[in-house]
Amino acid sequence: MKKSNIIKDKSFDFALRIIKLYKFLIEKKEFILSKQILRSGTSVGAMVRESEQAESKPDFIHKLAISLKEANETEYWMELLHKSDYIDTTQYESIKKDCKEILKLLTSIIKSSRGRD
């Protein structure tokens, strides 16, 4: 039986939500911010996947640190989209909750990986 990888699963699901948000924004004729959030929001999971094939422990930590930065950037774009009324409070709070959870997971994994030598 294959063991579940929570950060891998959550970051993939988050990327799917970001793609749906991107499609929604395109319908509203928002092309600049939508591309930014699409890039950063889907990069989170891509870097998590890259970390699975890391060449070393420092490489693993580095790839997850990039994923953390991308998640933080995505949170910024979401806040900007909310404050500029492209997404409503319900949409914002829902996706923000997912992003915060990913940020916490990544931070925890990075901290525990640095502590294990």
PDB file of N, CA and C in Angstrom:
ATOM      1  N   MET A   1       0.842  -1.185   0.000  1.00  0.00           N
ATOM      2  CA  MET A   1       0.000   0.000   0.000  1.00  0.00           C
ATOM      3  C   MET A   1       0.884   1.245   0.000  1.00  0.00           C
ATOM      4  N   LYS A   2       0.586   2.189  -0.886  1.00  0.00           N
ATOM      5  CA  LYS A   2       1.381   3.396  -1.018  1.00  0.00           C
ATOM      6  C   LYS A   2       1.056   4.372   0.119  1.00  0.00           C
ATOM      7  N   LYS A   3       2.102   4.903   0.708  1.00  0.00           N
ATOM      8  CA  LYS A   3       1.963   5.850   1.805  1.00  0.00           C
ATOM      9  C   LYS A   3       1.599   7.231   1.248  1.00  0.00           C
ATOM     10  N   SER A   4       0.668   7.907   1.888  1.00  0.00           N
ATOM     11  CA  SER A   4       0.230   9.227   1.462  1.00  0.00           C
ATOM     12  C   SER A   4       1.283  10.279   1.824  1.00  0.00           C
ATOM     13  N   ASN A   5       1.470  11.240   0.945  1.00  0.00           N
ATOM     14  CA  ASN A   5       2.380  12.353   1.169  1.00  0.00           C
ATOM     15  C   ASN A   5       1.520  13.609   1.237  1.00  0.00           C
ATOM     16  N   ILE A   6       1.294  14.101   2.438  1.00  0.00           N
ATOM     17  CA  ILE A   6       0.344  15.195   2.656  1.00  0.00           C
ATOM     18  C   ILE A   6       0.713  16.454   1.885  1.00  0.00           C
ATOM     19  N   ILE A   7       1.985  16.872   1.958  1.00  0.00           N
ATOM     20  CA  ILE A   7       2.365  18.114   1.272  1.00  0.00           C
ATOM     21  C   ILE A   7       2.278  17.952  -0.243  1.00  0.00           C
ATOM     22  N   LYS A   8       2.599  16.787  -0.738  1.00  0.00           N
ATOM     23  CA  LYS A   8       2.493  16.528  -2.173  1.00  0.00           C
ATOM     24  C   LYS A   8       1.032  16.600  -2.619  1.00  0.00           C
ATOM     25  N   ASP A   9       0.150  15.960  -1.870  1.00  0.00           N
ATOM     26  CA  ASP A   9      -1.280  15.952  -2.199  1.00  0.00           C
ATOM     27  C   ASP A   9      -1.896  17.348  -2.080  1.00  0.00           C
ATOM     28  N   LYS A  10      -1.597  18.033  -0.983  1.00  0.00           N
ATOM     29  CA  LYS A  10      -2.190  19.356  -0.758  1.00  0.00           C
ATOM     30  C   LYS A  10      -1.681  20.386  -1.762  1.00  0.00           C
ATOM     31  N   SER A  11      -0.400  20.323  -2.109  1.00  0.00           N
ATOM     32  CA  SER A  11       0.135  21.290  -3.068  1.00  0.00           C
ATOM     33  C   SER A  11      -0.416  21.031  -4.470  1.00  0.00           C
ATOM     34  N   PHE A  12      -0.674  19.763  -4.806  1.00  0.00           N
ATOM     35  CA  PHE A  12      -1.281  19.441  -6.093  1.00  0.00           C
ATOM     36  C   PHE A  12      -2.723  19.951  -6.153  1.00  0.00           C
ATOM     37  N   ASP A  13      -3.486  19.678  -5.095  1.00  0.00           N
ATOM     38  CA  ASP A  13      -4.866  20.170  -5.030  1.00  0.00           C
ATOM     39  C   ASP A  13      -4.922  21.694  -5.063  1.00  0.00           C
ATOM     40  N   PHE A  14      -3.953  22.324  -4.397  1.00  0.00           N
ATOM     41  CA  PHE A  14      -3.868  23.785  -4.390  1.00  0.00           C
ATOM     42  C   PHE A  14      -3.612  24.302  -5.808  1.00  0.00           C
ATOM     43  N   ALA A  15      -2.729  23.651  -6.534  1.00  0.00           N
ATOM     44  CA  ALA A  15      -2.447  24.045  -7.916  1.00  0.00           C
ATOM     45  C   ALA A  15      -3.705  23.959  -8.779  1.00  0.00           C
ATOM     46  N   LEU A  16      -4.493  22.917  -8.570  1.00  0.00           N
ATOM     47  CA  LEU A  16      -5.756  22.800  -9.316  1.00  0.00           C
ATOM     48  C   LEU A  16      -6.697  23.961  -8.988  1.00  0.00           C
ATOM     49  N   ARG A  17      -6.756  24.350  -7.729  1.00  0.00           N
ATOM     50  CA  ARG A  17      -7.597  25.491  -7.337  1.00  0.00           C
ATOM     51  C   ARG A  17      -7.085  26.780  -7.978  1.00  0.00           C
ATOM     52  N   ILE A  18      -5.776  26.921  -8.041  1.00  0.00           N
ATOM     53  CA  ILE A  18      -5.180  28.109  -8.650  1.00  0.00           C
ATOM     54  C   ILE A  18      -5.506  28.163 -10.144  1.00  0.00           C
ATOM     55  N   ILE A  19      -5.478  27.016 -10.807  1.00  0.00           N
ATOM     56  CA  ILE A  19      -5.821  26.971 -12.230  1.00  0.00           C
ATOM     57  C   ILE A  19      -7.278  27.386 -12.429  1.00  0.00           C
ATOM     58  N   LYS A  20      -8.149  26.908 -11.566  1.00  0.00           N
ATOM     59  CA  LYS A  20      -9.568  27.308 -11.657  1.00  0.00           C
ATOM     60  C   LYS A  20      -9.728  28.802 -11.392  1.00  0.00           C
ATOM     61  N   LEU A  21      -8.974  29.325 -10.429  1.00  0.00           N
ATOM     62  CA  LEU A  21      -9.005  30.769 -10.147  1.00  0.00           C
ATOM     63  C   LEU A  21      -8.507  31.541 -11.363  1.00  0.00           C
ATOM     64  N   TYR A  22      -7.456  31.065 -11.981  1.00  0.00           N
ATOM     65  CA  TYR A  22      -6.917  31.697 -13.192  1.00  0.00           C
ATOM     66  C   TYR A  22      -7.995  31.772 -14.282  1.00  0.00           C
ATOM     67  N   LYS A  23      -8.681  30.665 -14.513  1.00  0.00           N
ATOM     68  CA  LYS A  23      -9.747  30.644 -15.527  1.00  0.00           C
ATOM     69  C   LYS A  23     -10.849  31.651 -15.187  1.00  0.00           C
ATOM     70  N   PHE A  24     -11.208  31.730 -13.916  1.00  0.00           N
ATOM     71  CA  PHE A  24     -12.210  32.686 -13.445  1.00  0.00           C
ATOM     72  C   PHE A  24     -11.753  34.122 -13.723  1.00  0.00           C
ATOM     73  N   LEU A  25     -10.497  34.411 -13.425  1.00  0.00           N
ATOM     74  CA  LEU A  25      -9.956  35.759 -13.619  1.00  0.00           C
ATOM     75  C   LEU A  25      -9.886  36.140 -15.087  1.00  0.00           C
ATOM     76  N   ILE A  26      -9.562  35.175 -15.931  1.00  0.00           N
ATOM     77  CA  ILE A  26      -9.505  35.426 -17.381  1.00  0.00           C
ATOM     78  C   ILE A  26     -10.889  35.809 -17.897  1.00  0.00           C
ATOM     79  N   GLU A  27     -11.929  35.150 -17.371  1.00  0.00           N
ATOM     80  CA  GLU A  27     -13.302  35.496 -17.759  1.00  0.00           C
ATOM     81  C   GLU A  27     -13.634  36.924 -17.365  1.00  0.00           C
ATOM     82  N   LYS A  28     -13.024  37.400 -16.279  1.00  0.00           N
ATOM     83  CA  LYS A  28     -13.241  38.783 -15.826  1.00  0.00           C
ATOM     84  C   LYS A  28     -12.306  39.762 -16.533  1.00  0.00           C
ATOM     85  N   LYS A  29     -11.567  39.271 -17.514  1.00  0.00           N
ATOM     86  CA  LYS A  29     -10.629  40.073 -18.313  1.00  0.00           C
ATOM     87  C   LYS A  29      -9.456  40.602 -17.479  1.00  0.00           C
ATOM     88  N   GLU A  30      -9.034  39.819 -16.503  1.00  0.00           N
ATOM     89  CA  GLU A  30      -7.850  40.177 -15.718  1.00  0.00           C
ATOM     90  C   GLU A  30      -6.721  39.278 -16.194  1.00  0.00           C
ATOM     91  N   PHE A  31      -5.711  39.872 -16.848  1.00  0.00           N
ATOM     92  CA  PHE A  31      -4.675  39.074 -17.493  1.00  0.00           C
ATOM     93  C   PHE A  31      -3.296  39.147 -16.833  1.00  0.00           C
ATOM     94  N   ILE A  32      -3.010  40.193 -16.110  1.00  0.00           N
ATOM     95  CA  ILE A  32      -1.673  40.371 -15.536  1.00  0.00           C
ATOM     96  C   ILE A  32      -1.543  39.636 -14.198  1.00  0.00           C
ATOM     97  N   LEU A  33      -2.385  39.997 -13.237  1.00  0.00           N
ATOM     98  CA  LEU A  33      -2.329  39.357 -11.920  1.00  0.00           C
ATOM     99  C   LEU A  33      -2.644  37.869 -12.023  1.00  0.00           C
ATOM    100  N   SER A  34      -3.541  37.514 -12.929  1.00  0.00           N
ATOM    101  CA  SER A  34      -3.913  36.105 -13.085  1.00  0.00           C
ATOM    102  C   SER A  34      -2.717  35.256 -13.510  1.00  0.00           C
ATOM    103  N   LYS A  35      -1.872  35.795 -14.386  1.00  0.00           N
ATOM    104  CA  LYS A  35      -0.676  35.051 -14.817  1.00  0.00           C
ATOM    105  C   LYS A  35       0.322  34.919 -13.667  1.00  0.00           C
ATOM    106  N   GLN A  36       0.420  35.955 -12.849  1.00  0.00           N
ATOM    107  CA  GLN A  36       1.343  35.926 -11.710  1.00  0.00           C
ATOM    108  C   GLN A  36       0.929  34.847 -10.711  1.00  0.00           C
ATOM    109  N   ILE A  37      -0.362  34.817 -10.379  1.00  0.00           N
ATOM    110  CA  ILE A  37      -0.820  33.836  -9.392  1.00  0.00           C
ATOM    111  C   ILE A  37      -0.794  32.427  -9.977  1.00  0.00           C
ATOM    112  N   LEU A  38      -1.034  32.297 -11.276  1.00  0.00           N
ATOM    113  CA  LEU A  38      -0.940  30.987 -11.918  1.00  0.00           C
ATOM    114  C   LEU A  38       0.492  30.458 -11.821  1.00  0.00           C
ATOM    115  N   ARG A  39       1.467  31.307 -12.104  1.00  0.00           N
ATOM    116  CA  ARG A  39       2.863  30.899 -12.076  1.00  0.00           C
ATOM    117  C   ARG A  39       3.299  30.518 -10.660  1.00  0.00           C
ATOM    118  N   SER A  40       3.058  31.405  -9.699  1.00  0.00           N
ATOM    119  CA  SER A  40       3.527  31.116  -8.334  1.00  0.00           C
ATOM    120  C   SER A  40       2.720  29.995  -7.679  1.00  0.00           C
ATOM    121  N   GLY A  41       1.415  29.976  -7.895  1.00  0.00           N
ATOM    122  CA  GLY A  41       0.561  28.976  -7.260  1.00  0.00           C
ATOM    123  C   GLY A  41       0.793  27.553  -7.734  1.00  0.00           C
ATOM    124  N   THR A  42       1.149  27.405  -9.005  1.00  0.00           N
ATOM    125  CA  THR A  42       1.440  26.065  -9.511  1.00  0.00           C
ATOM    126  C   THR A  42       2.898  25.667  -9.250  1.00  0.00           C
ATOM    127  N   SER A  43       3.753  26.646  -9.014  1.00  0.00           N
ATOM    128  CA  SER A  43       5.163  26.360  -8.701  1.00  0.00           C
ATOM    129  C   SER A  43       5.329  25.703  -7.337  1.00  0.00           C
ATOM    130  N   VAL A  44       4.400  25.956  -6.432  1.00  0.00           N
ATOM    131  CA  VAL A  44       4.489  25.371  -5.090  1.00  0.00           C
ATOM    132  C   VAL A  44       4.589  23.851  -5.197  1.00  0.00           C
ATOM    133  N   GLY A  45       3.637  23.251  -5.864  1.00  0.00           N
ATOM    134  CA  GLY A  45       3.616  21.803  -6.012  1.00  0.00           C
ATOM    135  C   GLY A  45       4.741  21.272  -6.884  1.00  0.00           C
ATOM    136  N   ALA A  46       5.125  22.056  -7.891  1.00  0.00           N
ATOM    137  CA  ALA A  46       6.218  21.626  -8.769  1.00  0.00           C
ATOM    138  C   ALA A  46       7.520  21.501  -7.988  1.00  0.00           C
ATOM    139  N   MET A  47       7.775  22.433  -7.090  1.00  0.00           N
ATOM    140  CA  MET A  47       8.997  22.370  -6.289  1.00  0.00           C
ATOM    141  C   MET A  47       8.924  21.251  -5.243  1.00  0.00           C
ATOM    142  N   VAL A  48       7.731  20.989  -4.731  1.00  0.00           N
ATOM    143  CA  VAL A  48       7.568  19.852  -3.818  1.00  0.00           C
ATOM    144  C   VAL A  48       7.919  18.569  -4.567  1.00  0.00           C
ATOM    145  N   ARG A  49       7.435  18.442  -5.797  1.00  0.00           N
ATOM    146  CA  ARG A  49       7.746  17.260  -6.605  1.00  0.00           C
ATOM    147  C   ARG A  49       9.248  17.173  -6.881  1.00  0.00           C
ATOM    148  N   GLU A  50       9.867  18.306  -7.182  1.00  0.00           N
ATOM    149  CA  GLU A  50      11.307  18.306  -7.424  1.00  0.00           C
ATOM    150  C   GLU A  50      12.075  17.848  -6.191  1.00  0.00           C
ATOM    151  N   SER A  51      11.580  18.228  -5.024  1.00  0.00           N
ATOM    152  CA  SER A  51      12.278  17.871  -3.781  1.00  0.00           C
ATOM    153  C   SER A  51      12.328  16.357  -3.582  1.00  0.00           C
ATOM    154  N   GLU A  52      11.366  15.646  -4.156  1.00  0.00           N
ATOM    155  CA  GLU A  52      11.360  14.185  -4.031  1.00  0.00           C
ATOM    156  C   GLU A  52      12.586  13.545  -4.682  1.00  0.00           C
ATOM    157  N   GLN A  53      13.150  14.225  -5.645  1.00  0.00           N
ATOM    158  CA  GLN A  53      14.315  13.705  -6.368  1.00  0.00           C
ATOM    159  C   GLN A  53      15.577  14.504  -6.038  1.00  0.00           C
ATOM    160  N   ALA A  54      15.584  15.120  -4.883  1.00  0.00           N
ATOM    161  CA  ALA A  54      16.739  15.929  -4.478  1.00  0.00           C
ATOM    162  C   ALA A  54      18.003  15.082  -4.431  1.00  0.00           C
ATOM    163  N   GLU A  55      19.103  15.706  -4.758  1.00  0.00           N
ATOM    164  CA  GLU A  55      20.384  15.014  -4.798  1.00  0.00           C
ATOM    165  C   GLU A  55      21.019  14.871  -3.417  1.00  0.00           C
ATOM    166  N   SER A  56      20.579  15.699  -2.486  1.00  0.00           N
ATOM    167  CA  SER A  56      21.134  15.679  -1.136  1.00  0.00           C
ATOM    168  C   SER A  56      20.138  16.321  -0.185  1.00  0.00           C
ATOM    169  N   LYS A  57      20.420  16.205   1.097  1.00  0.00           N
ATOM    170  CA  LYS A  57      19.558  16.836   2.091  1.00  0.00           C
ATOM    171  C   LYS A  57      19.523  18.360   1.909  1.00  0.00           C
ATOM    172  N   PRO A  58      20.676  19.031   1.710  1.00  0.00           N
ATOM    173  CA  PRO A  58      20.622  20.480   1.466  1.00  0.00           C
ATOM    174  C   PRO A  58      19.807  20.837   0.210  1.00  0.00           C
ATOM    175  N   ASP A  59      19.904  19.996  -0.828  1.00  0.00           N
ATOM    176  CA  ASP A  59      19.130  20.221  -2.050  1.00  0.00           C
ATOM    177  C   ASP A  59      17.635  20.068  -1.762  1.00  0.00           C
ATOM    178  N   PHE A  60      17.279  19.059  -0.973  1.00  0.00           N
ATOM    179  CA  PHE A  60      15.890  18.836  -0.567  1.00  0.00           C
ATOM    180  C   PHE A  60      15.351  20.071   0.160  1.00  0.00           C
ATOM    181  N   ILE A  61      16.110  20.553   1.123  1.00  0.00           N
ATOM    182  CA  ILE A  61      15.696  21.725   1.903  1.00  0.00           C
ATOM    183  C   ILE A  61      15.585  22.947   0.996  1.00  0.00           C
ATOM    184  N   HIS A  62      16.529  23.104   0.099  1.00  0.00           N
ATOM    185  CA  HIS A  62      16.519  24.249  -0.820  1.00  0.00           C
ATOM    186  C   HIS A  62      15.271  24.242  -1.705  1.00  0.00           C
ATOM    187  N   LYS A  63      14.935  23.096  -2.250  1.00  0.00           N
ATOM    188  CA  LYS A  63      13.759  23.002  -3.114  1.00  0.00           C
ATOM    189  C   LYS A  63      12.470  23.299  -2.341  1.00  0.00           C
ATOM    190  N   LEU A  64      12.387  22.811  -1.110  1.00  0.00           N
ATOM    191  CA  LEU A  64      11.209  23.118  -0.290  1.00  0.00           C
ATOM    192  C   LEU A  64      11.187  24.584   0.118  1.00  0.00           C
ATOM    193  N   ALA A  65      12.361  25.176   0.307  1.00  0.00           N
ATOM    194  CA  ALA A  65      12.421  26.610   0.630  1.00  0.00           C
ATOM    195  C   ALA A  65      11.916  27.443  -0.549  1.00  0.00           C
ATOM    196  N   ILE A  66      12.231  27.027  -1.758  1.00  0.00           N
ATOM    197  CA  ILE A  66      11.697  27.714  -2.942  1.00  0.00           C
ATOM    198  C   ILE A  66      10.184  27.557  -2.990  1.00  0.00           C
ATOM    199  N   SER A  67       9.693  26.364  -2.687  1.00  0.00           N
ATOM    200  CA  SER A  67       8.255  26.117  -2.646  1.00  0.00           C
ATOM    201  C   SER A  67       7.590  27.039  -1.613  1.00  0.00           C
ATOM    202  N   LEU A  68       8.226  27.198  -0.471  1.00  0.00           N
ATOM    203  CA  LEU A  68       7.719  28.090   0.578  1.00  0.00           C
ATOM    204  C   LEU A  68       7.650  29.533   0.079  1.00  0.00           C
ATOM    205  N   LYS A  69       8.683  29.976  -0.620  1.00  0.00           N
ATOM    206  CA  LYS A  69       8.692  31.330  -1.181  1.00  0.00           C
ATOM    207  C   LYS A  69       7.567  31.515  -2.196  1.00  0.00           C
ATOM    208  N   GLU A  70       7.351  30.507  -3.020  1.00  0.00           N
ATOM    209  CA  GLU A  70       6.279  30.574  -4.020  1.00  0.00           C
ATOM    210  C   GLU A  70       4.905  30.627  -3.345  1.00  0.00           C
ATOM    211  N   ALA A  71       4.729  29.859  -2.276  1.00  0.00           N
ATOM    212  CA  ALA A  71       3.460  29.890  -1.537  1.00  0.00           C
ATOM    213  C   ALA A  71       3.238  31.262  -0.911  1.00  0.00           C
ATOM    214  N   ASN A  72       4.306  31.841  -0.384  1.00  0.00           N
ATOM    215  CA  ASN A  72       4.215  33.176   0.212  1.00  0.00           C
ATOM    216  C   ASN A  72       3.864  34.213  -0.853  1.00  0.00           C
ATOM    217  N   GLU A  73       4.476  34.102  -2.027  1.00  0.00           N
ATOM    218  CA  GLU A  73       4.157  35.014  -3.126  1.00  0.00           C
ATOM    219  C   GLU A  73       2.700  34.844  -3.567  1.00  0.00           C
ATOM    220  N   THR A  74       2.252  33.611  -3.622  1.00  0.00           N
ATOM    221  CA  THR A  74       0.866  33.342  -4.012  1.00  0.00           C
ATOM    222  C   THR A  74      -0.104  33.995  -3.028  1.00  0.00           C
ATOM    223  N   GLU A  75       0.235  33.919  -1.755  1.00  0.00           N
ATOM    224  CA  GLU A  75      -0.598  34.569  -0.735  1.00  0.00           C
ATOM    225  C   GLU A  75      -0.683  36.077  -0.994  1.00  0.00           C
ATOM    226  N   TYR A  76       0.421  36.676  -1.408  1.00  0.00           N
ATOM    227  CA  TYR A  76       0.442  38.104  -1.744  1.00  0.00           C
ATOM    228  C   TYR A  76      -0.512  38.408  -2.906  1.00  0.00           C
ATOM    229  N   TRP A  77      -0.423  37.633  -3.979  1.00  0.00           N
ATOM    230  CA  TRP A  77      -1.281  37.859  -5.144  1.00  0.00           C
ATOM    231  C   TRP A  77      -2.756  37.680  -4.791  1.00  0.00           C
ATOM    232  N   MET A  78      -3.038  36.686  -3.929  1.00  0.00           N
ATOM    233  CA  MET A  78      -4.432  36.467  -3.516  1.00  0.00           C
ATOM    234  C   MET A  78      -4.954  37.683  -2.755  1.00  0.00           C
ATOM    235  N   GLU A  79      -4.137  38.200  -1.855  1.00  0.00           N
ATOM    236  CA  GLU A  79      -4.548  39.378  -1.081  1.00  0.00           C
ATOM    237  C   GLU A  79      -4.776  40.573  -2.002  1.00  0.00           C
ATOM    238  N   LEU A  80      -3.888  40.742  -2.973  1.00  0.00           N
ATOM    239  CA  LEU A  80      -4.033  41.831  -3.925  1.00  0.00           C
ATOM    240  C   LEU A  80      -5.311  41.679  -4.752  1.00  0.00           C
ATOM    241  N   LEU A  81      -5.596  40.463  -5.204  1.00  0.00           N
ATOM    242  CA  LEU A  81      -6.824  40.210  -5.965  1.00  0.00           C
ATOM    243  C   LEU A  81      -8.061  40.478  -5.115  1.00  0.00           C
ATOM    244  N   HIS A  82      -7.993  40.152  -3.844  1.00  0.00           N
ATOM    245  CA  HIS A  82      -9.118  40.393  -2.953  1.00  0.00           C
ATOM    246  C   HIS A  82      -9.315  41.892  -2.704  1.00  0.00           C
ATOM    247  N   LYS A  83      -8.243  42.567  -2.371  1.00  0.00           N
ATOM    248  CA  LYS A  83      -8.331  44.007  -2.054  1.00  0.00           C
ATOM    249  C   LYS A  83      -8.716  44.840  -3.274  1.00  0.00           C
ATOM    250  N   SER A  84      -8.463  44.317  -4.472  1.00  0.00           N
ATOM    251  CA  SER A  84      -8.824  45.034  -5.691  1.00  0.00           C
ATOM    252  C   SER A  84     -10.171  44.557  -6.261  1.00  0.00           C
ATOM    253  N   ASP A  85     -10.873  43.745  -5.474  1.00  0.00           N
ATOM    254  CA  ASP A  85     -12.228  43.284  -5.805  1.00  0.00           C
ATOM    255  C   ASP A  85     -12.335  42.362  -7.017  1.00  0.00           C
ATOM    256  N   TYR A  86     -11.244  41.672  -7.353  1.00  0.00           N
ATOM    257  CA  TYR A  86     -11.340  40.649  -8.395  1.00  0.00           C
ATOM    258  C   TYR A  86     -11.919  39.355  -7.839  1.00  0.00           C
ATOM    259  N   ILE A  87     -11.652  39.086  -6.551  1.00  0.00           N
ATOM    260  CA  ILE A  87     -12.271  37.928  -5.891  1.00  0.00           C
ATOM    261  C   ILE A  87     -12.951  38.417  -4.621  1.00  0.00           C
ATOM    262  N   ASP A  88     -14.052  37.781  -4.278  1.00  0.00           N
ATOM    263  CA  ASP A  88     -14.791  38.206  -3.083  1.00  0.00           C
ATOM    264  C   ASP A  88     -14.200  37.566  -1.827  1.00  0.00           C
ATOM    265  N   THR A  89     -14.710  37.971  -0.702  1.00  0.00           N
ATOM    266  CA  THR A  89     -14.183  37.523   0.590  1.00  0.00           C
ATOM    267  C   THR A  89     -14.308  36.014   0.763  1.00  0.00           C
ATOM    268  N   THR A  90     -15.401  35.440   0.327  1.00  0.00           N
ATOM    269  CA  THR A  90     -15.594  33.990   0.450  1.00  0.00           C
ATOM    270  C   THR A  90     -14.535  33.235  -0.352  1.00  0.00           C
ATOM    271  N   GLN A  91     -14.326  33.647  -1.585  1.00  0.00           N
ATOM    272  CA  GLN A  91     -13.300  33.014  -2.426  1.00  0.00           C
ATOM    273  C   GLN A  91     -11.920  33.175  -1.783  1.00  0.00           C
ATOM    274  N   TYR A  92     -11.633  34.385  -1.353  1.00  0.00           N
ATOM    275  CA  TYR A  92     -10.334  34.692  -0.761  1.00  0.00           C
ATOM    276  C   TYR A  92     -10.071  33.860   0.494  1.00  0.00           C
ATOM    277  N   GLU A  93     -11.025  33.838   1.401  1.00  0.00           N
ATOM    278  CA  GLU A  93     -10.845  33.106   2.664  1.00  0.00           C
ATOM    279  C   GLU A  93     -10.667  31.612   2.427  1.00  0.00           C
ATOM    280  N   SER A  94     -11.392  31.074   1.475  1.00  0.00           N
ATOM    281  CA  SER A  94     -11.305  29.649   1.177  1.00  0.00           C
ATOM    282  C   SER A  94      -9.915  29.257   0.682  1.00  0.00           C
ATOM    283  N   ILE A  95      -9.417  29.982  -0.291  1.00  0.00           N
ATOM    284  CA  ILE A  95      -8.113  29.642  -0.865  1.00  0.00           C
ATOM    285  C   ILE A  95      -6.974  30.067   0.066  1.00  0.00           C
ATOM    286  N   LYS A  96      -7.194  31.124   0.837  1.00  0.00           N
ATOM    287  CA  LYS A  96      -6.180  31.575   1.802  1.00  0.00           C
ATOM    288  C   LYS A  96      -5.950  30.501   2.868  1.00  0.00           C
ATOM    289  N   LYS A  97      -7.024  29.858   3.292  1.00  0.00           N
ATOM    290  CA  LYS A  97      -6.923  28.784   4.286  1.00  0.00           C
ATOM    291  C   LYS A  97      -6.022  27.668   3.771  1.00  0.00           C
ATOM    292  N   ASP A  98      -6.217  27.272   2.522  1.00  0.00           N
ATOM    293  CA  ASP A  98      -5.377  26.232   1.913  1.00  0.00           C
ATOM    294  C   ASP A  98      -3.917  26.680   1.830  1.00  0.00           C
ATOM    295  N   CYS A  99      -3.717  27.916   1.443  1.00  0.00           N
ATOM    296  CA  CYS A  99      -2.360  28.441   1.307  1.00  0.00           C
ATOM    297  C   CYS A  99      -1.660  28.478   2.667  1.00  0.00           C
ATOM    298  N   LYS A 100      -2.349  28.931   3.689  1.00  0.00           N
ATOM    299  CA  LYS A 100      -1.773  28.988   5.045  1.00  0.00           C
ATOM    300  C   LYS A 100      -1.382  27.590   5.527  1.00  0.00           C
ATOM    301  N   GLU A 101      -2.214  26.614   5.240  1.00  0.00           N
ATOM    302  CA  GLU A 101      -1.927  25.241   5.641  1.00  0.00           C
ATOM    303  C   GLU A 101      -0.655  24.731   4.960  1.00  0.00           C
ATOM    304  N   ILE A 102      -0.515  25.047   3.682  1.00  0.00           N
ATOM    305  CA  ILE A 102       0.681  24.647   2.935  1.00  0.00           C
ATOM    306  C   ILE A 102       1.910  25.367   3.491  1.00  0.00           C
ATOM    307  N   LEU A 103       1.774  26.648   3.784  1.00  0.00           N
ATOM    308  CA  LEU A 103       2.891  27.402   4.369  1.00  0.00           C
ATOM    309  C   LEU A 103       3.345  26.769   5.688  1.00  0.00           C
ATOM    310  N   LYS A 104       2.399  26.400   6.519  1.00  0.00           N
ATOM    311  CA  LYS A 104       2.736  25.781   7.809  1.00  0.00           C
ATOM    312  C   LYS A 104       3.409  24.418   7.616  1.00  0.00           C
ATOM    313  N   LEU A 105       2.875  23.614   6.707  1.00  0.00           N
ATOM    314  CA  LEU A 105       3.466  22.296   6.441  1.00  0.00           C
ATOM    315  C   LEU A 105       4.897  22.422   5.923  1.00  0.00           C
ATOM    316  N   LEU A 106       5.088  23.303   4.960  1.00  0.00           N
ATOM    317  CA  LEU A 106       6.425  23.484   4.396  1.00  0.00           C
ATOM    318  C   LEU A 106       7.411  23.981   5.451  1.00  0.00           C
ATOM    319  N   THR A 107       6.982  24.938   6.251  1.00  0.00           N
ATOM    320  CA  THR A 107       7.842  25.464   7.318  1.00  0.00           C
ATOM    321  C   THR A 107       8.231  24.361   8.283  1.00  0.00           C
ATOM    322  N   SER A 108       7.272  23.550   8.655  1.00  0.00           N
ATOM    323  CA  SER A 108       7.529  22.445   9.582  1.00  0.00           C
ATOM    324  C   SER A 108       8.496  21.424   8.992  1.00  0.00           C
ATOM    325  N   ILE A 109       8.291  21.059   7.740  1.00  0.00           N
ATOM    326  CA  ILE A 109       9.165  20.078   7.082  1.00  0.00           C
ATOM    327  C   ILE A 109      10.589  20.619   6.978  1.00  0.00           C
ATOM    328  N   ILE A 110      10.711  21.876   6.598  1.00  0.00           N
ATOM    329  CA  ILE A 110      12.036  22.483   6.468  1.00  0.00           C
ATOM    330  C   ILE A 110      12.746  22.534   7.830  1.00  0.00           C
ATOM    331  N   LYS A 111      12.028  22.981   8.844  1.00  0.00           N
ATOM    332  CA  LYS A 111      12.630  23.059  10.186  1.00  0.00           C
ATOM    333  C   LYS A 111      13.059  21.681  10.689  1.00  0.00           C
ATOM    334  N   SER A 112      12.205  20.694  10.547  1.00  0.00           N
ATOM    335  CA  SER A 112      12.553  19.358  11.036  1.00  0.00           C
ATOM    336  C   SER A 112      13.673  18.747  10.207  1.00  0.00           C
ATOM    337  N   SER A 113      13.730  19.048   8.910  1.00  0.00           N
ATOM    338  CA  SER A 113      14.809  18.526   8.066  1.00  0.00           C
ATOM    339  C   SER A 113      16.153  19.163   8.421  1.00  0.00           C
ATOM    340  N   ARG A 114      16.131  20.422   8.771  1.00  0.00           N
ATOM    341  CA  ARG A 114      17.371  21.097   9.190  1.00  0.00           C
ATOM    342  C   ARG A 114      17.862  20.574  10.529  1.00  0.00           C
ATOM    343  N   GLY A 115      16.930  20.142  11.360  1.00  0.00           N
ATOM    344  CA  GLY A 115      17.282  19.652  12.685  1.00  0.00           C
ATOM    345  C   GLY A 115      17.851  18.248  12.695  1.00  0.00           C
ATOM    346  N   ARG A 116      17.635  17.502  11.620  1.00  0.00           N
ATOM    347  CA  ARG A 116      18.098  16.109  11.528  1.00  0.00           C
ATOM    348  C   ARG A 116      19.408  16.036  10.780  1.00  0.00           C
ATOM    349  N   ASP A 117      20.503  15.898  11.491  1.00  0.00           N
ATOM    350  CA  ASP A 117      21.813  15.746  10.838  1.00  0.00           C
ATOM    351  C   ASP A 117      22.497  14.485  11.222  1.00  0.00           C
TER     352      ASP A 117
END
